[in-house]
Structures are given as C-alpha cells and as structure tokens.
Amino acid sequence: MHVNGDPVIIDFSIQEEKEYSFYVGPALFNLHFKKNRRQFSYELIQDENTPTQLNLARKQSEKQDVLYMCVGAGVVLGGILIVLLL
C-alpha cells in the first residue's frame, strides 16, 4: 500500500484477515483486509476512538460546540419567555 507515493505496507503473504494501523499526518487509520470466499476486500477507516492528539482535540471541540448550542438555545428561549411575559 502507498501513501503519498511512499510504500507504507508491503505484505505479500496475507492468507487470512488482517488489520494494520498507521498515521497519515495526525490522523490514525485502520486498514482491514477481509476474506470473502477466495478473494480479499479491504476497508480503510479513520480511527476516531483511539486517544490521539487529533481525536482528543476533536472531542474537546465537540464539547465546546454543545456548550455553545445550549447557551444559544437558553438565550433564545429566555428572549421568547420575556416577550411572552410583557
């Protein structure tokens, strides 16, 4: 397998299902080779669960987004309540 033109994985002896993990920049990817009868298929998935720096930063950003949405919803609902009471 090549990433940006450079070989990352060379394994010519795959007989059963295998999984490889590697980084592309700050992102961790998992490459799964799956056996389907006599052929193999593969699946490349970005790992968003392992606590890498990128994933931790993403989770922190998501928490801040939720907080901002809750505050925004509170302001809107408070404004509506004030208008209804006047």
C-alpha atoms as a PDB file:
ATOM      1  CA  MET A   1       0.000   0.000   0.000  1.00  0.00           C
ATOM      2  CA  HIS A   2       1.211   3.512  -0.789  1.00  0.00           C
ATOM      3  CA  VAL A   3       0.507   6.812   0.963  1.00  0.00           C
ATOM      4  CA  ASN A   4       1.555   9.974  -0.876  1.00  0.00           C
ATOM      5  CA  GLY A   5       3.567   7.819  -3.272  1.00  0.00           C
ATOM      6  CA  ASP A   6       5.627   6.168  -0.499  1.00  0.00           C
ATOM      7  CA  PRO A   7       5.269   2.493   0.422  1.00  0.00           C
ATOM      8  CA  VAL A   8       3.726   2.053   3.863  1.00  0.00           C
ATOM      9  CA  ILE A   9       2.809  -1.641   3.964  1.00  0.00           C
ATOM     10  CA  ILE A  10       4.257  -4.469   1.925  1.00  0.00           C
ATOM     11  CA  ASP A  11       2.899  -7.893   2.866  1.00  0.00           C
ATOM     12  CA  PHE A  12       2.589 -10.445   0.093  1.00  0.00           C
ATOM     13  CA  SER A  13       1.756 -13.368   2.371  1.00  0.00           C
ATOM     14  CA  ILE A  14      -1.756 -12.448   3.512  1.00  0.00           C
ATOM     15  CA  GLN A  15      -3.726 -15.679   3.820  1.00  0.00           C
ATOM     16  CA  GLU A  16      -6.254 -14.666   6.475  1.00  0.00           C
ATOM     17  CA  GLU A  17      -7.954 -11.457   7.558  1.00  0.00           C
ATOM     18  CA  LYS A  18      -5.560  -8.796   8.854  1.00  0.00           C
ATOM     19  CA  GLU A  19      -5.664  -5.288  10.218  1.00  0.00           C
ATOM     20  CA  TYR A  20      -2.977  -2.609  10.004  1.00  0.00           C
ATOM     21  CA  SER A  21      -2.888   0.767  11.736  1.00  0.00           C
ATOM     22  CA  PHE A  22      -0.863   3.743  10.532  1.00  0.00           C
ATOM     23  CA  TYR A  23      -0.809   7.520  10.632  1.00  0.00           C
ATOM     24  CA  VAL A  24      -1.414   9.855   7.713  1.00  0.00           C
ATOM     25  CA  GLY A  25      -0.368  13.187   9.156  1.00  0.00           C
ATOM     26  CA  PRO A  26      -2.003  13.483  12.580  1.00  0.00           C
ATOM     27  CA  ALA A  27      -4.861  11.083  11.715  1.00  0.00           C
ATOM     28  CA  LEU A  28      -4.760   7.395  12.659  1.00  0.00           C
ATOM     29  CA  PHE A  29      -6.204   4.997  10.067  1.00  0.00           C
ATOM     30  CA  ASN A  30      -7.073   1.299  10.221  1.00  0.00           C
ATOM     31  CA  LEU A  31      -6.770  -0.822   7.102  1.00  0.00           C
ATOM     32  CA  HIS A  32      -8.800  -4.041   7.248  1.00  0.00           C
ATOM     33  CA  PHE A  33      -8.280  -6.890   4.800  1.00  0.00           C
ATOM     34  CA  LYS A  34     -11.334  -9.151   4.773  1.00  0.00           C
ATOM     35  CA  LYS A  35     -11.565 -12.553   3.166  1.00  0.00           C
ATOM     36  CA  ASN A  36     -14.646 -13.186   1.025  1.00  0.00           C
ATOM     37  CA  ARG A  37     -14.509 -16.792  -0.156  1.00  0.00           C
ATOM     38  CA  ARG A  38     -11.381 -16.846  -2.354  1.00  0.00           C
ATOM     39  CA  GLN A  39     -10.947 -13.080  -2.691  1.00  0.00           C
ATOM     40  CA  PHE A  40      -9.972 -10.282  -0.347  1.00  0.00           C
ATOM     41  CA  SER A  41     -11.584  -6.907   0.059  1.00  0.00           C
ATOM     42  CA  TYR A  42     -10.261  -4.013   2.075  1.00  0.00           C
ATOM     43  CA  GLU A  43     -11.669  -1.184   4.115  1.00  0.00           C
ATOM     44  CA  LEU A  44      -9.825   1.960   5.173  1.00  0.00           C
ATOM     45  CA  ILE A  45     -11.346   3.726   8.182  1.00  0.00           C
ATOM     46  CA  GLN A  46     -10.157   6.755  10.128  1.00  0.00           C
ATOM     47  CA  ASP A  47      -9.872   5.775  13.801  1.00  0.00           C
ATOM     48  CA  GLU A  48     -11.777   8.360  15.832  1.00  0.00           C
ATOM     49  CA  ASN A  49     -11.825   6.384  19.107  1.00  0.00           C
ATOM     50  CA  THR A  50      -8.150   5.940  19.971  1.00  0.00           C
ATOM     51  CA  PRO A  51      -6.966   8.837  22.184  1.00  0.00           C
ATOM     52  CA  THR A  52      -4.598  10.502  19.694  1.00  0.00           C
ATOM     53  CA  GLN A  53      -3.896  14.237  19.872  1.00  0.00           C
ATOM     54  CA  LEU A  54      -6.225  14.856  16.921  1.00  0.00           C
ATOM     55  CA  ASN A  55      -9.071  12.816  18.424  1.00  0.00           C
ATOM     56  CA  LEU A  56      -8.706  14.465  21.845  1.00  0.00           C
ATOM     57  CA  ALA A  57      -8.784  17.921  20.224  1.00  0.00           C
ATOM     58  CA  ARG A  58     -11.840  16.904  18.181  1.00  0.00           C
ATOM     59  CA  LYS A  59     -13.698  15.705  21.291  1.00  0.00           C
ATOM     60  CA  GLN A  60     -12.835  18.916  23.163  1.00  0.00           C
ATOM     61  CA  SER A  61     -14.121  20.974  20.240  1.00  0.00           C
ATOM     62  CA  GLU A  62     -17.333  18.934  20.131  1.00  0.00           C
ATOM     63  CA  LYS A  63     -17.885  19.553  23.864  1.00  0.00           C
ATOM     64  CA  GLN A  64     -17.439  23.295  23.339  1.00  0.00           C
ATOM     65  CA  ASP A  65     -19.876  23.207  20.405  1.00  0.00           C
ATOM     66  CA  VAL A  66     -22.515  21.509  22.570  1.00  0.00           C
ATOM     67  CA  LEU A  67     -21.977  24.075  25.326  1.00  0.00           C
ATOM     68  CA  TYR A  68     -22.352  26.978  22.873  1.00  0.00           C
ATOM     69  CA  MET A  69     -25.528  25.447  21.411  1.00  0.00           C
ATOM     70  CA  CYS A  70     -27.027  25.056  24.891  1.00  0.00           C
ATOM     71  CA  VAL A  71     -26.177  28.640  25.808  1.00  0.00           C
ATOM     72  CA  GLY A  72     -27.611  29.879  22.496  1.00  0.00           C
ATOM     73  CA  ALA A  73     -30.806  27.887  22.979  1.00  0.00           C
ATOM     74  CA  GLY A  74     -31.116  29.280  26.528  1.00  0.00           C
ATOM     75  CA  VAL A  75     -30.734  32.848  25.271  1.00  0.00           C
ATOM     76  CA  VAL A  76     -33.355  32.321  22.554  1.00  0.00           C
ATOM     77  CA  LEU A  77     -35.805  30.641  24.933  1.00  0.00           C
ATOM     78  CA  GLY A  78     -35.202  33.341  27.548  1.00  0.00           C
ATOM     79  CA  GLY A  79     -35.878  36.029  24.952  1.00  0.00           C
ATOM     80  CA  ILE A  80     -39.100  34.337  23.889  1.00  0.00           C
ATOM     81  CA  LEU A  81     -40.189  33.998  27.504  1.00  0.00           C
ATOM     82  CA  ILE A  82     -39.519  37.696  28.189  1.00  0.00           C
ATOM     83  CA  VAL A  83     -41.513  38.718  25.074  1.00  0.00           C
ATOM     84  CA  LEU A  84     -44.424  36.482  26.112  1.00  0.00           C
ATOM     85  CA  LEU A  85     -44.489  37.872  29.646  1.00  0.00           C
ATOM     86  CA  LEU A  86     -44.507  41.519  28.510  1.00  0.00           C
END
